[in-house]
Amino acid sequence: MKHVVIVGNGISGITAARHIRKNSDFEITVISAETDHFWSRTALMYIYMGHMKYEHTKPYEDWFWKKNKINLLHDYVEKIDTSNKTLQLAQKGVQSYDALILATGAKPNKFGWPGQDLQGVSGMVSFQDLEYIEKYTKDISRGVIVGGGLIGIELAEMLRSRNIAVTFLVREKQFWNNVLPKQEASLISRHIREHHVDLHLGGELKEIVPDDHGRVKAVITGAGEEIPCQFVGLTAGVHPNIDLAQASGIETDRGILVNDFLETNHTDVYAIGDCAQRRDPLPNRRPIEQVWYTGRMMGETVAQTITGNKTPYQPGHWFNSAKFFDIEYQTYGWVWNQLKPNEEEFYWEHSSGKKCMHFIFDKDSKKFLGVNTFGIRLRHESFDRWLKEERDIYYILENLREANFDPEFFDRHEQEIAGAFNGQFPGRPIQLRGKRSFLEKIFG
């Protein structure tokens, strides 16, 4: 019987295991040194904030693995012998495989800052990071977070939930404006400050200062300001965890190099998820995509190939979602931080300053290219279908009611959005289609 070994029990590795089991009776072993069972990494912040317990973050009961004949091994893989198809484990000796999937994830970036390895300095990627943060933020008065982005904003919310003062050092002129257009970046920067976070835009870390016991005492910024603190969160991005692959002679660049079928340069060795780097990226897609849904899709794809249905990885249209304190964010298609020469934009922002939609379309054909939405939840299936059908911006706005995910009694803004578009682009007035909500019928 074929034995498939998966290193890593995050969303990529576990999805691969589940789909291999669906399609075969292969022996499956998942090895992880992080936790005994798969858990939802996106729920990490909610454990700290007291909204959930660790056991609540496990999507499957502990009996699920035995029932589905998926072996879970809590150990650390030290080296891979690709010639003999074996793994050297730290505790349990040698493990053989017929097919090997590397789903080793990512690690927080460190840029050689003095003091970056002091007690009280942490990233926020693993369960061990969560335990470390829990230990070193107990009874502290201030934490400093270094680096904007999604992990940084989560950590800021975590600390504020315990009334810990937060200083946020962000190199950019507005929060996450290397990804978001200026309008959305400005909106989120305001929102962060409204949550009593001391946001230092254009702020950089120079040094982390220790006390007499080797623990964080302060940080010094690039401008020379000293900020007393007892914890530093390093959230300036992550990089693929390729240590095991490198030590084993598997070809790497920034990530573990894979082809269209997620195969490495060694037969029967695959890489998926945050650690994988495509040799030939798809148009408009990055060679490394460290997003939950791409990891899941890679797991599904590699399972097809390993069980005899060789399938290229084709993730389709880009989408992502996140949360900035209490403002939800979704993006579909491509909305770059700066317009490209062929692009035109329509931006609408609610008077509250907490909701907006940003549409991008082609100047000439008016073909819809992408949307950012903040504070208004949209239906993925609608925008995915419209992108596949290559609809124009007029069709999108006329059918916007269809894409609104919110229940009947939530505020609806399609009429206001259409009116704003008609004011900015009067050539072809938008006429909304679909049913009006209960509130629209009452208030117009």
Protein backbone atom coordinates (compact mmCIF):
# COMPACT_ATOMS: atom_id res chain seq x y z
CA MET A 1 0.00 0.00 0.00
CA LYS A 2 1.29 3.47 -0.91
CA HIS A 3 2.38 5.54 2.09
CA VAL A 4 1.92 9.33 1.88
CA VAL A 5 3.71 11.41 4.51
CA ILE A 6 2.77 15.06 5.06
CA VAL A 7 5.05 17.38 7.03
CA GLY A 8 2.92 20.12 8.58
CA ASN A 9 -0.63 20.04 9.95
CA GLY A 10 -1.91 23.45 8.84
CA ILE A 11 -4.72 24.01 6.35
CA SER A 12 -2.60 22.90 3.37
CA GLY A 13 -1.34 19.64 4.82
CA ILE A 14 -4.62 18.62 6.42
CA THR A 15 -6.64 19.43 3.29
CA ALA A 16 -4.25 17.22 1.31
CA ALA A 17 -4.67 14.41 3.86
CA ARG A 18 -8.47 14.61 3.80
CA HIS A 19 -8.71 14.59 0.02
CA ILE A 20 -6.18 11.77 -0.36
CA ARG A 21 -8.34 9.78 2.04
CA LYS A 22 -11.47 10.60 0.04
CA ASN A 23 -9.86 9.33 -3.16
CA SER A 24 -7.80 6.36 -1.95
CA ASP A 25 -7.04 3.79 0.73
CA PHE A 26 -3.39 4.91 0.96
CA GLU A 27 -1.66 4.97 4.30
CA ILE A 28 -1.44 8.61 5.43
CA THR A 29 0.83 10.05 8.13
CA VAL A 30 0.82 13.72 9.14
CA ILE A 31 3.87 14.90 11.10
CA SER A 32 3.91 18.15 13.07
CA ALA A 33 5.99 19.51 15.94
CA GLU A 34 3.53 22.34 16.59
CA THR A 35 0.34 20.74 17.95
CA ASP A 36 -1.16 17.26 18.26
CA HIS A 37 -4.18 18.15 16.15
CA PHE A 38 -5.09 20.47 13.30
CA TRP A 39 -6.56 23.74 14.51
CA SER A 40 -7.75 26.92 12.82
CA ARG A 41 -4.78 29.29 12.69
CA THR A 42 -7.07 32.20 11.81
CA ALA A 43 -8.62 31.81 15.27
CA LEU A 44 -5.31 32.37 17.09
CA MET A 45 -6.21 35.92 18.10
CA TYR A 46 -9.58 34.86 19.50
CA ILE A 47 -7.98 32.41 21.92
CA TYR A 48 -5.90 35.23 23.39
CA MET A 49 -8.91 37.56 23.51
CA GLY A 50 -10.96 34.98 25.42
CA HIS A 51 -13.59 34.51 22.72
CA MET A 52 -12.61 30.88 22.15
CA LYS A 53 -10.65 28.12 23.80
CA TYR A 54 -8.04 26.08 21.93
CA GLU A 55 -10.34 23.05 21.79
CA HIS A 56 -12.99 25.18 20.09
CA THR A 57 -10.60 25.96 17.22
CA LYS A 58 -10.27 22.34 16.12
CA PRO A 59 -12.57 21.83 13.11
CA TYR A 60 -12.62 18.06 13.69
CA GLU A 61 -13.15 15.98 16.81
CA ASP A 62 -10.08 14.13 18.05
CA TRP A 63 -11.64 10.80 17.04
CA PHE A 64 -11.93 11.98 13.42
CA TRP A 65 -8.32 11.09 12.58
CA LYS A 66 -8.44 7.50 13.79
CA LYS A 67 -11.84 6.92 12.20
CA ASN A 68 -10.50 8.17 8.84
CA LYS A 69 -7.21 6.26 9.20
CA ILE A 70 -5.01 9.36 9.19
CA ASN A 71 -2.01 8.84 11.46
CA LEU A 72 -0.93 11.91 13.47
CA LEU A 73 2.69 12.01 14.60
CA HIS A 74 3.85 14.74 17.00
CA ASP A 75 7.54 15.02 16.12
CA TYR A 76 10.10 17.17 14.35
CA VAL A 77 11.60 16.17 10.99
CA GLU A 78 15.34 16.83 10.98
CA LYS A 79 16.27 15.69 7.47
CA ILE A 80 14.90 14.07 4.32
CA ASP A 81 16.78 11.38 2.41
CA THR A 82 15.16 11.69 -1.01
CA SER A 83 17.27 8.86 -2.47
CA ASN A 84 16.02 6.29 0.03
CA LYS A 85 12.67 8.01 0.64
CA THR A 86 13.07 8.31 4.39
CA LEU A 87 12.71 11.01 7.04
CA GLN A 88 14.92 11.37 10.10
CA LEU A 89 12.74 12.31 13.08
CA ALA A 90 13.97 13.97 16.26
CA GLN A 91 12.33 11.44 18.59
CA LYS A 92 10.89 8.50 16.69
CA GLY A 93 13.73 7.43 14.44
CA VAL A 94 13.29 6.90 10.71
CA GLN A 95 10.01 7.16 8.78
CA SER A 96 9.71 5.91 5.20
CA TYR A 97 7.46 7.35 2.50
CA ASP A 98 6.32 6.68 -1.04
CA ALA A 99 5.10 10.23 -1.60
CA LEU A 100 6.09 13.23 0.54
CA ILE A 101 4.24 16.54 0.87
CA LEU A 102 6.05 19.48 2.47
CA ALA A 103 3.58 21.89 4.07
CA THR A 104 6.00 23.56 6.47
CA GLY A 105 4.40 27.00 6.44
CA ALA A 106 6.14 30.31 7.11
CA LYS A 107 8.18 32.11 9.78
CA PRO A 108 8.15 35.77 10.91
CA ASN A 109 10.65 38.07 9.24
CA LYS A 110 13.56 39.38 11.27
CA PHE A 111 15.88 41.96 9.76
CA GLY A 112 18.85 41.81 12.10
CA TRP A 113 17.58 44.42 14.55
CA PRO A 114 19.72 44.65 17.71
CA GLY A 115 17.73 42.99 20.48
CA GLN A 116 15.38 41.04 18.20
CA ASP A 117 16.00 37.81 20.18
CA LEU A 118 15.41 39.28 23.64
CA GLN A 119 12.82 37.86 26.03
CA GLY A 120 9.49 39.49 25.25
CA VAL A 121 10.00 39.68 21.46
CA SER A 122 7.75 37.50 19.32
CA GLY A 123 6.12 36.97 15.98
CA MET A 124 2.57 35.64 15.71
CA VAL A 125 2.39 32.63 13.43
CA SER A 126 2.38 29.43 15.50
CA PHE A 127 0.64 28.07 18.56
CA GLN A 128 3.97 28.37 20.36
CA ASP A 129 3.96 32.08 19.48
CA LEU A 130 0.53 32.39 21.10
CA GLU A 131 1.78 30.73 24.29
CA TYR A 132 4.83 33.01 24.29
CA ILE A 133 2.72 36.15 23.80
CA GLU A 134 0.41 35.04 26.59
CA LYS A 135 3.38 34.66 28.94
CA TYR A 136 5.18 37.90 28.08
CA THR A 137 2.18 40.24 27.94
CA LYS A 138 0.86 39.38 31.37
CA ASP A 139 0.51 42.53 33.51
CA ILE A 140 2.44 44.75 31.06
CA SER A 141 1.59 48.39 30.36
CA ARG A 142 2.73 48.80 26.72
CA GLY A 143 3.56 46.72 23.68
CA VAL A 144 5.21 47.90 20.45
CA ILE A 145 4.23 46.29 17.15
CA VAL A 146 6.69 46.57 14.28
CA GLY A 147 5.34 46.32 10.74
CA GLY A 148 1.90 46.92 9.28
CA GLY A 149 -0.24 44.28 7.63
CA LEU A 150 -2.80 41.72 8.65
CA ILE A 151 -0.84 40.01 11.43
CA GLY A 152 0.12 43.36 12.94
CA ILE A 153 -3.46 44.60 13.11
CA GLU A 154 -4.57 41.32 14.71
CA LEU A 155 -1.87 41.63 17.37
CA ALA A 156 -2.87 45.26 18.03
CA GLU A 157 -6.48 44.18 18.58
CA MET A 158 -5.33 41.38 20.89
CA LEU A 159 -3.34 43.69 23.12
CA ARG A 160 -6.02 46.39 23.20
CA SER A 161 -8.57 43.75 24.28
CA ARG A 162 -6.60 43.57 27.55
CA ASN A 163 -6.24 47.35 27.80
CA ILE A 164 -2.54 47.19 26.99
CA ALA A 165 -1.32 50.42 25.38
CA VAL A 166 -0.04 49.84 21.84
CA THR A 167 2.47 51.73 19.75
CA PHE A 168 2.36 50.62 16.11
CA LEU A 169 5.44 51.34 13.95
CA VAL A 170 4.50 51.29 10.27
CA ARG A 171 7.05 52.29 7.62
CA GLU A 172 4.46 53.34 5.04
CA LYS A 173 2.76 56.75 4.80
CA GLN A 174 -0.61 55.10 5.49
CA PHE A 175 -1.41 51.69 6.93
CA TRP A 176 -0.75 48.87 4.43
CA ASN A 177 -0.52 51.29 1.51
CA ASN A 178 1.91 48.97 -0.26
CA VAL A 179 -1.21 46.83 -0.81
CA LEU A 180 -4.21 49.15 -0.44
CA PRO A 181 -4.99 52.22 -2.54
CA LYS A 182 -4.60 55.52 -0.71
CA GLN A 183 -8.33 55.89 -0.02
CA GLU A 184 -8.67 52.57 1.82
CA ALA A 185 -5.27 52.94 3.52
CA SER A 186 -6.36 56.32 4.89
CA LEU A 187 -9.70 54.92 6.10
CA ILE A 188 -8.00 52.06 7.98
CA SER A 189 -5.33 54.36 9.44
CA ARG A 190 -8.10 56.52 10.92
CA HIS A 191 -9.89 53.44 12.22
CA ILE A 192 -6.77 52.13 13.97
CA ARG A 193 -6.33 55.43 15.80
CA GLU A 194 -10.01 55.42 16.80
CA HIS A 195 -9.21 52.22 18.69
CA HIS A 196 -6.64 54.11 20.79
CA VAL A 197 -3.59 52.72 19.03
CA ASP A 198 -0.59 55.04 18.84
CA LEU A 199 0.02 54.65 15.11
CA HIS A 200 3.44 55.91 13.98
CA LEU A 201 3.24 56.20 10.19
CA GLY A 202 6.67 56.41 8.60
CA GLY A 203 8.04 54.85 11.79
CA GLU A 204 10.86 52.33 11.76
CA LEU A 205 12.55 50.19 14.36
CA LYS A 206 16.24 50.81 14.99
CA GLU A 207 16.91 48.82 18.16
CA ILE A 208 15.23 46.86 20.96
CA VAL A 209 16.72 47.75 24.35
CA PRO A 210 17.12 45.13 27.12
CA ASP A 211 16.80 45.51 30.86
CA ASP A 212 19.29 43.96 33.30
CA HIS A 213 17.58 40.56 32.97
CA GLY A 214 17.65 40.26 29.17
CA ARG A 215 14.04 41.27 28.73
CA VAL A 216 12.58 44.05 26.59
CA LYS A 217 12.73 47.48 28.24
CA ALA A 218 12.20 49.86 25.29
CA VAL A 219 12.56 50.34 21.57
CA ILE A 220 14.45 53.06 19.75
CA THR A 221 12.93 54.23 16.49
CA GLY A 222 14.71 55.34 13.35
CA ALA A 223 13.99 58.94 14.38
CA GLY A 224 15.81 58.37 17.66
CA GLU A 225 12.72 58.27 19.89
CA GLU A 226 12.89 55.86 22.83
CA ILE A 227 9.55 54.19 23.64
CA PRO A 228 9.38 52.28 26.95
CA CYS A 229 7.63 48.91 26.54
CA GLN A 230 7.65 45.37 27.89
CA PHE A 231 6.75 43.45 24.72
CA VAL A 232 7.63 43.78 21.02
CA GLY A 233 5.63 42.07 18.28
CA LEU A 234 7.56 41.57 15.04
CA THR A 235 4.93 41.50 12.29
CA ALA A 236 6.91 42.82 9.32
CA GLY A 237 5.73 39.97 7.12
CA VAL A 238 6.66 36.31 6.98
CA HIS A 239 8.90 34.16 4.79
CA PRO A 240 8.60 30.52 3.71
CA ASN A 241 9.93 27.97 6.16
CA ILE A 242 12.43 26.21 3.88
CA ASP A 243 15.01 25.07 6.45
CA LEU A 244 14.13 21.37 6.13
CA ALA A 245 14.11 21.47 2.33
CA GLN A 246 17.44 23.28 2.19
CA ALA A 247 19.05 20.83 4.62
CA SER A 248 17.84 17.96 2.44
CA GLY A 249 19.03 19.18 -0.95
CA ILE A 250 15.57 20.11 -2.28
CA GLU A 251 15.77 23.10 -4.59
CA THR A 252 14.71 26.40 -3.07
CA ASP A 253 14.69 30.10 -3.84
CA ARG A 254 12.70 32.26 -1.42
CA GLY A 255 10.40 29.25 -1.12
CA ILE A 256 10.49 25.58 -2.08
CA LEU A 257 10.41 25.60 -5.87
CA VAL A 258 7.53 23.72 -7.49
CA ASN A 259 6.13 23.31 -11.01
CA ASP A 260 2.50 23.60 -12.12
CA PHE A 261 1.74 20.27 -10.42
CA LEU A 262 3.35 21.36 -7.12
CA GLU A 263 6.23 18.93 -7.67
CA THR A 264 9.73 19.76 -6.42
CA ASN A 265 12.93 18.79 -8.24
CA HIS A 266 12.81 15.37 -6.53
CA THR A 267 10.46 12.60 -7.65
CA ASP A 268 7.46 12.06 -5.37
CA VAL A 269 8.25 15.15 -3.27
CA TYR A 270 5.71 18.01 -3.34
CA ALA A 271 5.42 21.38 -1.60
CA ILE A 272 2.21 23.28 -0.87
CA GLY A 273 0.98 26.28 1.08
CA ASP A 274 3.03 29.13 2.51
CA CYS A 275 6.37 27.39 1.90
CA ALA A 276 5.83 26.80 -1.84
CA GLN A 277 7.09 29.01 -4.67
CA ARG A 278 5.96 28.53 -8.25
CA ARG A 279 8.76 28.42 -10.81
CA ASP A 280 6.43 29.95 -13.41
CA PRO A 281 3.86 32.22 -11.76
CA LEU A 282 0.46 32.70 -13.35
CA PRO A 283 -0.31 36.13 -14.87
CA ASN A 284 -0.87 38.76 -12.15
CA ARG A 285 -0.17 36.17 -9.43
CA ARG A 286 2.81 36.22 -7.10
CA PRO A 287 5.13 33.18 -7.06
CA ILE A 288 4.50 32.83 -3.30
CA GLU A 289 0.93 33.33 -2.05
CA GLN A 290 0.59 32.97 1.71
CA VAL A 291 -3.18 33.02 2.00
CA TRP A 292 -5.48 30.55 3.72
CA TYR A 293 -7.57 29.77 0.66
CA THR A 294 -4.61 29.20 -1.67
CA GLY A 295 -3.18 26.74 0.85
CA ARG A 296 -6.47 24.88 0.91
CA MET A 297 -6.66 24.77 -2.88
CA MET A 298 -3.08 23.52 -3.13
CA GLY A 299 -3.97 20.71 -0.73
CA GLU A 300 -6.94 19.69 -2.85
CA THR A 301 -4.87 19.85 -6.04
CA VAL A 302 -1.89 17.81 -4.84
CA ALA A 303 -4.27 15.16 -3.50
CA GLN A 304 -5.67 14.70 -7.01
CA THR A 305 -2.20 14.21 -8.47
CA ILE A 306 -1.02 11.80 -5.79
CA THR A 307 -4.15 9.65 -6.16
CA GLY A 308 -3.70 9.26 -9.91
CA ASN A 309 -5.50 12.25 -11.44
CA LYS A 310 -2.58 14.53 -12.31
CA THR A 311 -3.93 18.06 -11.95
CA PRO A 312 -2.24 21.45 -12.39
CA TYR A 313 -2.72 24.06 -9.70
CA GLN A 314 -5.04 26.74 -11.11
CA PRO A 315 -6.33 28.99 -8.34
CA GLY A 316 -8.65 31.10 -10.49
CA HIS A 317 -9.46 34.72 -9.70
CA TRP A 318 -7.73 36.37 -6.77
CA PHE A 319 -9.72 36.97 -3.63
CA ASN A 320 -8.94 37.56 0.01
CA SER A 321 -10.61 38.68 3.22
CA ALA A 322 -9.53 40.03 6.59
CA LYS A 323 -10.68 42.16 9.51
CA PHE A 324 -9.33 45.48 10.79
CA PHE A 325 -10.72 45.64 14.32
CA ASP A 326 -14.46 45.77 13.57
CA ILE A 327 -14.26 46.59 9.84
CA GLU A 328 -14.39 43.58 7.53
CA TYR A 329 -12.39 43.63 4.29
CA GLN A 330 -12.84 41.64 1.09
CA THR A 331 -11.18 41.91 -2.29
CA TYR A 332 -12.04 40.21 -5.59
CA GLY A 333 -10.01 40.44 -8.79
CA TRP A 334 -7.20 42.98 -8.86
CA VAL A 335 -7.17 46.29 -7.05
CA TRP A 336 -3.58 47.50 -6.97
CA ASN A 337 -2.36 50.21 -4.64
CA GLN A 338 -1.82 52.43 -7.69
CA LEU A 339 -3.83 52.56 -10.89
CA LYS A 340 -2.27 51.04 -13.99
CA PRO A 341 -2.32 53.05 -17.26
CA ASN A 342 -5.30 51.12 -18.65
CA GLU A 343 -7.36 51.36 -15.45
CA GLU A 344 -10.10 53.65 -14.20
CA GLU A 345 -11.60 53.75 -10.72
CA PHE A 346 -14.83 54.49 -8.92
CA TYR A 347 -14.54 54.98 -5.16
CA TRP A 348 -17.51 55.36 -2.83
CA GLU A 349 -17.25 55.98 0.90
CA HIS A 350 -20.09 56.10 3.38
CA SER A 351 -20.51 59.26 5.46
CA SER A 352 -19.55 57.28 8.58
CA GLY A 353 -16.04 56.80 7.20
CA LYS A 354 -16.25 53.10 8.07
CA LYS A 355 -17.64 51.63 4.84
CA CYS A 356 -16.39 51.93 1.29
CA MET A 357 -16.29 50.19 -2.08
CA HIS A 358 -13.55 50.70 -4.64
CA PHE A 359 -14.21 49.44 -8.18
CA ILE A 360 -11.51 49.12 -10.84
CA PHE A 361 -12.33 48.74 -14.55
CA ASP A 362 -10.71 49.08 -17.94
CA LYS A 363 -10.71 52.63 -19.33
CA ASP A 364 -11.70 51.66 -22.85
CA SER A 365 -13.80 48.48 -22.66
CA LYS A 366 -15.21 49.25 -19.17
CA LYS A 367 -14.52 45.60 -18.28
CA PHE A 368 -14.70 45.05 -14.54
CA LEU A 369 -11.27 44.17 -13.08
CA GLY A 370 -11.66 44.15 -9.30
CA VAL A 371 -13.24 45.52 -6.14
CA ASN A 372 -12.25 46.27 -2.56
CA THR A 373 -15.01 46.44 0.01
CA PHE A 374 -14.78 47.54 3.64
CA GLY A 375 -17.68 47.17 6.06
CA ILE A 376 -20.03 45.63 3.47
CA ARG A 377 -19.94 41.86 3.14
CA LEU A 378 -20.19 40.54 -0.42
CA ARG A 379 -21.01 37.16 -1.92
CA HIS A 380 -17.93 35.46 -3.31
CA GLU A 381 -19.87 33.43 -5.86
CA SER A 382 -21.32 36.57 -7.48
CA PHE A 383 -18.02 38.32 -8.06
CA ASP A 384 -16.24 35.14 -9.07
CA ARG A 385 -18.90 34.50 -11.70
CA TRP A 386 -18.84 38.10 -12.98
CA LEU A 387 -15.05 37.99 -13.32
CA LYS A 388 -15.29 34.72 -15.28
CA GLU A 389 -18.00 36.20 -17.49
CA GLU A 390 -15.90 39.36 -18.00
CA ARG A 391 -18.80 41.66 -17.19
CA ASP A 392 -18.44 45.44 -17.47
CA ILE A 393 -18.68 47.93 -14.62
CA TYR A 394 -22.26 48.88 -15.57
CA TYR A 395 -23.45 45.29 -15.20
CA ILE A 396 -21.69 44.97 -11.83
CA LEU A 397 -23.30 48.08 -10.37
CA GLU A 398 -26.73 47.35 -11.84
CA ASN A 399 -26.68 43.90 -10.20
CA LEU A 400 -24.93 44.90 -6.98
CA ARG A 401 -27.94 43.95 -4.85
CA GLU A 402 -27.35 40.31 -5.80
CA ALA A 403 -23.82 40.40 -4.34
CA ASN A 404 -24.80 41.88 -0.96
CA PHE A 405 -24.34 39.13 1.63
CA ASP A 406 -26.09 40.87 4.50
CA PRO A 407 -29.55 39.76 5.68
CA GLU A 408 -32.71 41.61 4.71
CA PHE A 409 -32.77 44.04 7.64
CA PHE A 410 -29.17 45.27 7.41
CA ASP A 411 -28.42 48.68 5.94
CA ARG A 412 -28.19 48.61 2.17
CA HIS A 413 -26.19 51.13 0.16
CA GLU A 414 -26.62 50.08 -3.47
CA GLN A 415 -28.89 53.03 -4.31
CA GLU A 416 -26.42 55.52 -2.88
CA ILE A 417 -23.51 53.83 -4.64
CA ALA A 418 -25.33 53.86 -7.98
CA GLY A 419 -26.22 57.54 -7.51
CA ALA A 420 -22.59 58.42 -6.78
CA PHE A 421 -21.45 56.54 -9.88
CA ASN A 422 -24.04 58.33 -12.03
CA GLY A 423 -22.78 61.64 -10.71
CA GLN A 424 -19.16 60.80 -11.53
CA PHE A 425 -19.90 58.99 -14.84
CA PRO A 426 -23.12 60.52 -16.24
CA GLY A 427 -22.82 58.99 -19.71
CA ARG A 428 -24.82 55.83 -18.95
CA PRO A 429 -27.01 55.99 -15.83
CA ILE A 430 -27.10 52.93 -13.60
CA GLN A 431 -30.53 51.37 -13.08
CA LEU A 432 -30.46 48.92 -10.16
CA ARG A 433 -31.91 45.45 -10.72
CA GLY A 434 -33.18 42.93 -8.21
CA LYS A 435 -35.39 43.21 -5.17
CA ARG A 436 -35.20 46.21 -2.90
CA SER A 437 -34.61 45.49 0.77
CA PHE A 438 -37.27 46.12 3.40
CA LEU A 439 -35.46 49.26 4.57
CA GLU A 440 -35.10 50.55 0.99
CA LYS A 441 -38.82 50.14 0.46
CA ILE A 442 -39.54 52.21 3.56
CA PHE A 443 -36.87 54.90 3.27
CA GLY A 444 -36.19 54.87 -0.50
